């Protein structure tokens, strides 16, 4: 296993100089700071938004290939974190916006012994707010095409700040490669997070991540959007605005996946999804939204079984 200790962090996904070269099949352990750049010791070592570790240059990766990232472990490494207290105005009815005050930070204790986070000074009439720890990776992405540098506040077909609460250990993510080496970034650890990150923050904290990098070469089909899987589901992720466009991107990518890798006809893929597909939301606060289309692997296996 290779240990990578970052000294430089980036606030854009772009073709920055490679920070670390890795080979397909290699396992890497690294350290992420929180969304405002504070490390495990509470020292600010970078600026917001969402400082990224990397980029990791994957040897042999070329445009048209796919990077494979297996999240083996996400471990929190400090006992405090923060969030915001107000829903983002665009998520409520326009007439209700006038009732929302300016958002402020909430501060949380991370209780490893009891596997939960505890809100400090909850607003009245709340007495105690506790949520089980569930580490989530807020950002994962590669360098975009055409030399673009895109803020870590948002997301696109390169990945980015997707804030998908399913981005947990055990997930495998497939990312399109646009530049030599792929240039993989990650950051923005959360101790726990709702679907949608509706206040503009999860429970932001620092963490350590262990992941394995793989590479799919010379695939005849260049994936258009991110794909993922765990033991139970296939996932496709669309990042766009408005939300219905993000849903369209995720849905279409699932159809393509079923046709390309499972040999289904267009009709068969549509029929299989028609009563079985599930949707979840990721980022709902930046210039692009994240929609996730899920399909149970058992549904596919049963449908193809003799």
Protein backbone atom coordinates (compact mmCIF):
# COMPACT_ATOMS: atom_id res chain seq x y z
CA UNK A 1 0.00 0.00 0.00
CA UNK A 2 1.28 3.47 -0.89
CA UNK A 3 0.86 6.33 1.60
CA UNK A 4 0.41 9.80 0.15
CA UNK A 5 0.67 12.83 2.44
CA UNK A 6 -0.52 15.93 0.56
CA UNK A 7 1.29 19.24 0.75
CA UNK A 8 -0.71 21.09 -1.92
CA UNK A 9 -4.49 21.23 -2.28
CA UNK A 10 -6.56 22.41 -5.24
CA UNK A 11 -9.88 24.23 -5.42
CA UNK A 12 -10.44 23.34 -9.07
CA UNK A 13 -10.64 20.10 -11.00
CA UNK A 14 -8.17 20.60 -13.80
CA UNK A 15 -4.95 19.52 -15.50
CA UNK A 16 -2.73 20.41 -12.56
CA UNK A 17 0.75 18.89 -12.15
CA UNK A 18 0.55 15.30 -10.95
CA UNK A 19 1.05 15.03 -7.20
CA UNK A 20 1.46 11.26 -7.16
CA UNK A 21 1.87 8.60 -9.85
CA UNK A 22 0.09 5.29 -9.27
CA UNK A 23 -0.17 2.02 -11.17
CA UNK A 24 -3.43 0.21 -11.89
CA UNK A 25 -4.11 -2.20 -9.06
CA UNK A 26 -2.23 -0.08 -6.50
CA UNK A 27 -3.78 0.74 -3.11
CA UNK A 28 -3.30 4.28 -1.79
CA UNK A 29 -3.85 5.72 1.69
CA UNK A 30 -4.22 9.50 1.93
CA UNK A 31 -5.46 12.33 4.14
CA UNK A 32 -8.30 14.76 3.38
CA UNK A 33 -8.99 18.12 5.01
CA UNK A 34 -12.47 19.49 5.60
CA UNK A 35 -14.40 21.76 3.23
CA UNK A 36 -12.77 24.88 4.71
CA UNK A 37 -9.26 23.43 4.62
CA UNK A 38 -8.80 22.34 8.27
CA UNK A 39 -6.79 19.17 8.88
CA UNK A 40 -6.95 16.48 11.58
CA UNK A 41 -5.19 18.78 14.07
CA UNK A 42 -7.59 21.68 13.47
CA UNK A 43 -4.98 23.62 11.50
CA UNK A 44 -6.08 25.43 8.35
CA UNK A 45 -3.76 24.26 5.56
CA UNK A 46 -5.89 25.29 2.56
CA UNK A 47 -8.79 27.50 1.55
CA UNK A 48 -12.42 26.72 0.76
CA UNK A 49 -14.27 25.51 -1.16
CA UNK A 50 -13.61 21.78 -0.84
CA UNK A 51 -9.81 21.51 -1.10
CA UNK A 52 -8.84 18.47 -3.15
CA UNK A 53 -6.04 15.96 -2.66
CA UNK A 54 -4.22 14.96 -5.83
CA UNK A 55 -4.17 14.79 -8.70
CA UNK A 56 -3.20 11.13 -8.88
CA UNK A 57 -1.71 10.28 -12.27
CA UNK A 58 -2.72 6.74 -13.24
CA UNK A 59 -0.04 5.20 -15.42
CA UNK A 60 -1.34 4.08 -18.80
CA UNK A 61 -4.61 6.01 -18.60
CA UNK A 62 -5.54 7.73 -21.87
CA UNK A 63 -8.58 9.65 -23.10
CA UNK A 64 -11.41 7.19 -23.77
CA UNK A 65 -10.37 4.82 -20.97
CA UNK A 66 -12.13 4.41 -17.62
CA UNK A 67 -10.66 4.87 -14.17
CA UNK A 68 -11.91 2.45 -11.53
CA UNK A 69 -11.82 3.72 -7.93
CA UNK A 70 -12.66 1.30 -5.13
CA UNK A 71 -13.32 3.03 -1.82
CA UNK A 72 -11.88 0.52 0.64
CA UNK A 73 -12.03 2.61 3.81
CA UNK A 74 -13.06 6.09 4.96
CA UNK A 75 -11.94 6.86 8.52
CA UNK A 76 -12.68 10.06 10.43
CA UNK A 77 -9.61 11.40 12.24
CA UNK A 78 -10.78 14.18 14.54
CA UNK A 79 -13.50 14.60 17.16
CA UNK A 80 -15.31 17.66 15.84
CA UNK A 81 -17.02 18.92 12.72
CA UNK A 82 -19.35 21.61 11.49
CA UNK A 83 -22.43 22.12 9.33
CA UNK A 84 -24.84 24.90 8.38
CA UNK A 85 -28.22 25.46 9.97
CA UNK A 86 -30.52 26.84 7.23
CA UNK A 87 -31.98 25.22 4.13
CA UNK A 88 -30.75 26.81 0.93
CA UNK A 89 -33.33 29.37 -0.32
CA UNK A 90 -33.83 27.76 -3.75
CA UNK A 91 -35.03 24.55 -2.05
CA UNK A 92 -38.12 26.18 -0.51
CA UNK A 93 -41.06 28.02 -2.01
CA UNK A 94 -40.21 31.55 -3.11
CA UNK A 95 -42.64 33.16 -0.67
CA UNK A 96 -41.03 31.25 2.20
CA UNK A 97 -37.53 32.55 1.48
CA UNK A 98 -38.23 35.77 3.38
CA UNK A 99 -38.53 33.73 6.58
CA UNK A 100 -35.05 32.19 6.27
CA UNK A 101 -32.35 34.09 8.19
CA UNK A 102 -28.74 34.10 7.09
CA UNK A 103 -27.16 30.74 7.69
CA UNK A 104 -24.63 30.20 10.46
CA UNK A 105 -22.40 27.30 11.40
CA UNK A 106 -23.41 24.52 13.73
CA UNK A 107 -20.71 22.61 15.60
CA UNK A 108 -20.77 18.91 16.41
CA UNK A 109 -18.95 16.47 18.63
CA UNK A 110 -17.89 13.24 16.93
CA UNK A 111 -18.33 10.46 19.49
CA UNK A 112 -16.33 7.48 18.23
CA UNK A 113 -17.06 5.40 21.30
CA UNK A 114 -20.81 5.45 20.61
CA UNK A 115 -20.55 5.80 16.82
CA UNK A 116 -22.58 8.99 16.64
CA UNK A 117 -22.33 12.74 16.17
CA UNK A 118 -23.88 15.11 18.69
CA UNK A 119 -24.96 18.68 17.95
CA UNK A 120 -23.55 21.24 20.36
CA UNK A 121 -26.05 23.85 21.60
CA UNK A 122 -29.15 22.68 19.66
CA UNK A 123 -31.79 25.38 19.06
CA UNK A 124 -34.89 25.36 21.24
CA UNK A 125 -37.05 23.37 21.72
CA UNK A 126 -34.62 20.62 20.65
CA UNK A 127 -32.94 18.94 23.62
CA UNK A 128 -30.44 16.66 21.93
CA UNK A 129 -29.65 15.91 18.29
CA UNK A 130 -27.71 12.72 17.58
CA UNK A 131 -27.04 11.04 14.24
CA UNK A 132 -25.15 7.78 13.57
CA UNK A 133 -21.69 8.22 12.03
CA UNK A 134 -21.66 7.31 8.33
CA UNK A 135 -18.52 8.64 6.58
CA UNK A 136 -19.18 9.98 3.08
CA UNK A 137 -16.84 11.31 0.39
CA UNK A 138 -18.29 14.58 -0.95
CA UNK A 139 -15.95 15.07 -3.93
CA UNK A 140 -14.43 12.66 -6.41
CA UNK A 141 -13.44 13.60 -9.94
CA UNK A 142 -10.93 13.72 -12.76
CA UNK A 143 -9.50 16.54 -14.86
CA UNK A 144 -12.11 17.77 -17.36
CA UNK A 145 -11.52 17.82 -21.09
CA UNK A 146 -10.24 20.74 -23.21
CA UNK A 147 -7.96 22.06 -20.47
CA UNK A 148 -10.83 23.35 -18.33
CA UNK A 149 -10.38 24.11 -14.63
CA UNK A 150 -13.74 23.85 -12.85
CA UNK A 151 -14.43 24.94 -9.28
CA UNK A 152 -14.66 22.27 -6.60
CA UNK A 153 -18.00 23.78 -5.63
CA UNK A 154 -19.77 22.09 -8.54
CA UNK A 155 -19.87 18.90 -10.63
CA UNK A 156 -20.18 17.63 -14.20
CA UNK A 157 -19.34 14.67 -16.41
CA UNK A 158 -15.88 14.65 -14.78
CA UNK A 159 -17.44 14.00 -11.35
CA UNK A 160 -16.66 16.71 -8.80
CA UNK A 161 -18.64 17.96 -5.83
CA UNK A 162 -21.50 15.46 -6.13
CA UNK A 163 -22.29 15.19 -2.41
CA UNK A 164 -23.93 11.82 -2.92
CA UNK A 165 -24.57 10.15 0.42
CA UNK A 166 -23.95 6.74 -1.18
CA UNK A 167 -20.28 7.57 -1.82
CA UNK A 168 -19.15 5.39 1.07
CA UNK A 169 -16.62 2.63 1.62
CA UNK A 170 -17.51 -0.43 -0.42
CA UNK A 171 -18.50 1.62 -3.45
CA UNK A 172 -16.65 1.23 -6.76
CA UNK A 173 -16.81 4.23 -9.11
CA UNK A 174 -16.06 4.33 -12.84
CA UNK A 175 -14.94 7.70 -14.21
CA UNK A 176 -14.33 8.74 -17.84
CA UNK A 177 -10.75 9.69 -18.70
CA UNK A 178 -10.32 12.96 -20.60
CA UNK A 179 -6.58 13.64 -20.25
CA UNK A 180 -3.44 11.48 -20.03
CA UNK A 181 -3.19 9.91 -16.58
CA UNK A 182 -6.81 10.74 -15.81
CA UNK A 183 -5.70 13.06 -12.96
CA UNK A 184 -7.86 11.85 -10.09
CA UNK A 185 -8.89 14.18 -7.24
CA UNK A 186 -10.78 13.60 -4.00
CA UNK A 187 -11.80 15.62 -0.96
CA UNK A 188 -14.64 17.03 1.18
CA UNK A 189 -15.09 14.35 3.84
CA UNK A 190 -18.35 14.16 5.79
CA UNK A 191 -18.99 12.35 9.08
CA UNK A 192 -22.59 11.99 7.93
CA UNK A 193 -24.77 13.64 5.30
CA UNK A 194 -28.40 13.85 4.23
CA UNK A 195 -29.53 13.18 0.71
CA UNK A 196 -29.09 16.42 -1.20
CA UNK A 197 -26.88 18.21 1.35
CA UNK A 198 -29.82 20.61 1.72
CA UNK A 199 -28.10 23.28 3.83
CA UNK A 200 -24.97 23.38 1.67
CA UNK A 201 -22.90 21.23 4.02
CA UNK A 202 -22.76 17.74 5.38
CA UNK A 203 -21.15 17.28 8.76
CA UNK A 204 -17.80 18.59 7.52
CA UNK A 205 -14.63 17.12 8.98
CA UNK A 206 -11.25 15.68 8.03
CA UNK A 207 -10.68 12.02 7.28
CA UNK A 208 -8.36 9.39 5.84
CA UNK A 209 -9.21 7.40 2.73
CA UNK A 210 -7.84 4.10 1.47
CA UNK A 211 -8.68 3.33 -2.13
CA UNK A 212 -7.62 1.10 -4.99
CA UNK A 213 -7.16 2.43 -8.51
CA UNK A 214 -7.93 0.36 -11.58
CA UNK A 215 -8.03 1.05 -15.30
CA UNK A 216 -10.25 -0.24 -18.10
CA UNK A 217 -8.37 0.13 -21.39
CA UNK A 218 -9.62 0.48 -24.94
CA UNK A 219 -13.28 0.07 -24.06
CA UNK A 220 -15.31 0.35 -27.26
CA UNK A 221 -17.79 2.68 -25.54
CA UNK A 222 -16.70 5.88 -23.82
CA UNK A 223 -18.94 6.32 -20.78
CA UNK A 224 -20.66 9.69 -20.76
CA UNK A 225 -21.42 9.89 -17.04
CA UNK A 226 -20.09 8.28 -13.90
CA UNK A 227 -21.04 4.73 -13.06
CA UNK A 228 -20.73 2.88 -9.79
CA UNK A 229 -21.56 -0.36 -8.05
CA UNK A 230 -21.53 -2.09 -4.70
CA UNK A 231 -22.64 -5.55 -3.61
CA UNK A 232 -26.31 -4.71 -4.12
CA UNK A 233 -26.77 -2.04 -6.81
CA UNK A 234 -25.58 -0.55 -10.05
CA UNK A 235 -25.49 3.27 -9.95
CA UNK A 236 -25.34 5.89 -12.67
CA UNK A 237 -24.77 9.54 -11.81
CA UNK A 238 -25.87 12.58 -13.80
CA UNK A 239 -24.68 16.10 -12.91
CA UNK A 240 -26.59 18.94 -14.58
CA UNK A 241 -29.15 21.68 -14.04
CA UNK A 242 -32.12 21.73 -13.92
CA UNK A 243 -32.70 18.60 -11.85
CA UNK A 244 -34.74 16.89 -14.55
CA UNK A 245 -31.75 17.10 -16.91
CA UNK A 246 -29.55 15.43 -14.29
CA UNK A 247 -32.18 12.68 -14.00
CA UNK A 248 -32.21 12.27 -17.78
CA UNK A 249 -28.42 11.91 -17.87
CA UNK A 250 -28.38 9.30 -15.10
CA UNK A 251 -31.29 7.36 -16.59
CA UNK A 252 -29.83 7.29 -20.10
CA UNK A 253 -26.47 6.11 -18.76
CA UNK A 254 -28.19 3.20 -17.00
CA UNK A 255 -29.91 2.19 -20.25
CA UNK A 256 -26.57 2.31 -22.07
CA UNK A 257 -24.90 0.23 -19.36
CA UNK A 258 -27.54 -2.50 -19.55
CA UNK A 259 -27.27 -2.63 -23.33
CA UNK A 260 -23.47 -2.51 -23.51
CA UNK A 261 -22.39 -4.76 -20.65
CA UNK A 262 -25.40 -7.02 -20.17
CA UNK A 263 -26.38 -7.49 -23.81
CA UNK A 264 -29.94 -6.23 -23.38
CA UNK A 265 -31.92 -4.78 -26.23
CA UNK A 266 -33.29 -1.28 -25.86
CA UNK A 267 -36.76 -2.72 -25.21
CA UNK A 268 -35.45 -5.21 -22.62
CA UNK A 269 -33.49 -2.52 -20.78
CA UNK A 270 -36.54 -0.26 -20.65
CA UNK A 271 -38.82 -3.05 -19.44
CA UNK A 272 -36.36 -4.11 -16.74
CA UNK A 273 -36.02 -0.55 -15.45
CA UNK A 274 -39.71 0.30 -15.71
CA UNK A 275 -40.76 -1.23 -12.38
CA UNK A 276 -37.41 -1.60 -10.64
CA UNK A 277 -35.35 1.56 -10.98
CA UNK A 278 -34.72 3.76 -7.92
CA UNK A 279 -33.59 7.40 -7.72
CA UNK A 280 -31.59 9.31 -5.13
CA UNK A 281 -30.34 12.89 -4.98
CA UNK A 282 -26.86 14.23 -4.40
CA UNK A 283 -25.74 17.84 -4.74
CA UNK A 284 -28.72 20.21 -4.74
CA UNK A 285 -26.90 23.43 -3.90
CA UNK A 286 -24.34 24.26 -6.60
CA UNK A 287 -24.57 25.32 -10.25
CA UNK A 288 -25.23 21.68 -11.20
CA UNK A 289 -27.41 19.15 -9.42
CA UNK A 290 -26.68 15.44 -8.93
CA UNK A 291 -29.18 12.68 -9.66
CA UNK A 292 -28.45 8.99 -9.09
CA UNK A 293 -30.23 6.14 -10.88
CA UNK A 294 -30.03 2.76 -9.09
CA UNK A 295 -30.89 -0.75 -10.20
CA UNK A 296 -30.67 -3.85 -8.02
CA UNK A 297 -28.18 -6.45 -9.24
CA UNK A 298 -30.51 -9.21 -8.10
CA UNK A 299 -33.22 -7.90 -10.44
CA UNK A 300 -30.78 -8.18 -13.36
CA UNK A 301 -29.56 -11.64 -12.33
CA UNK A 302 -33.06 -13.01 -11.93
CA UNK A 303 -34.17 -11.55 -15.26
CA UNK A 304 -31.27 -13.21 -17.10
CA UNK A 305 -31.35 -16.55 -15.28
CA UNK A 306 -32.32 -19.67 -17.24
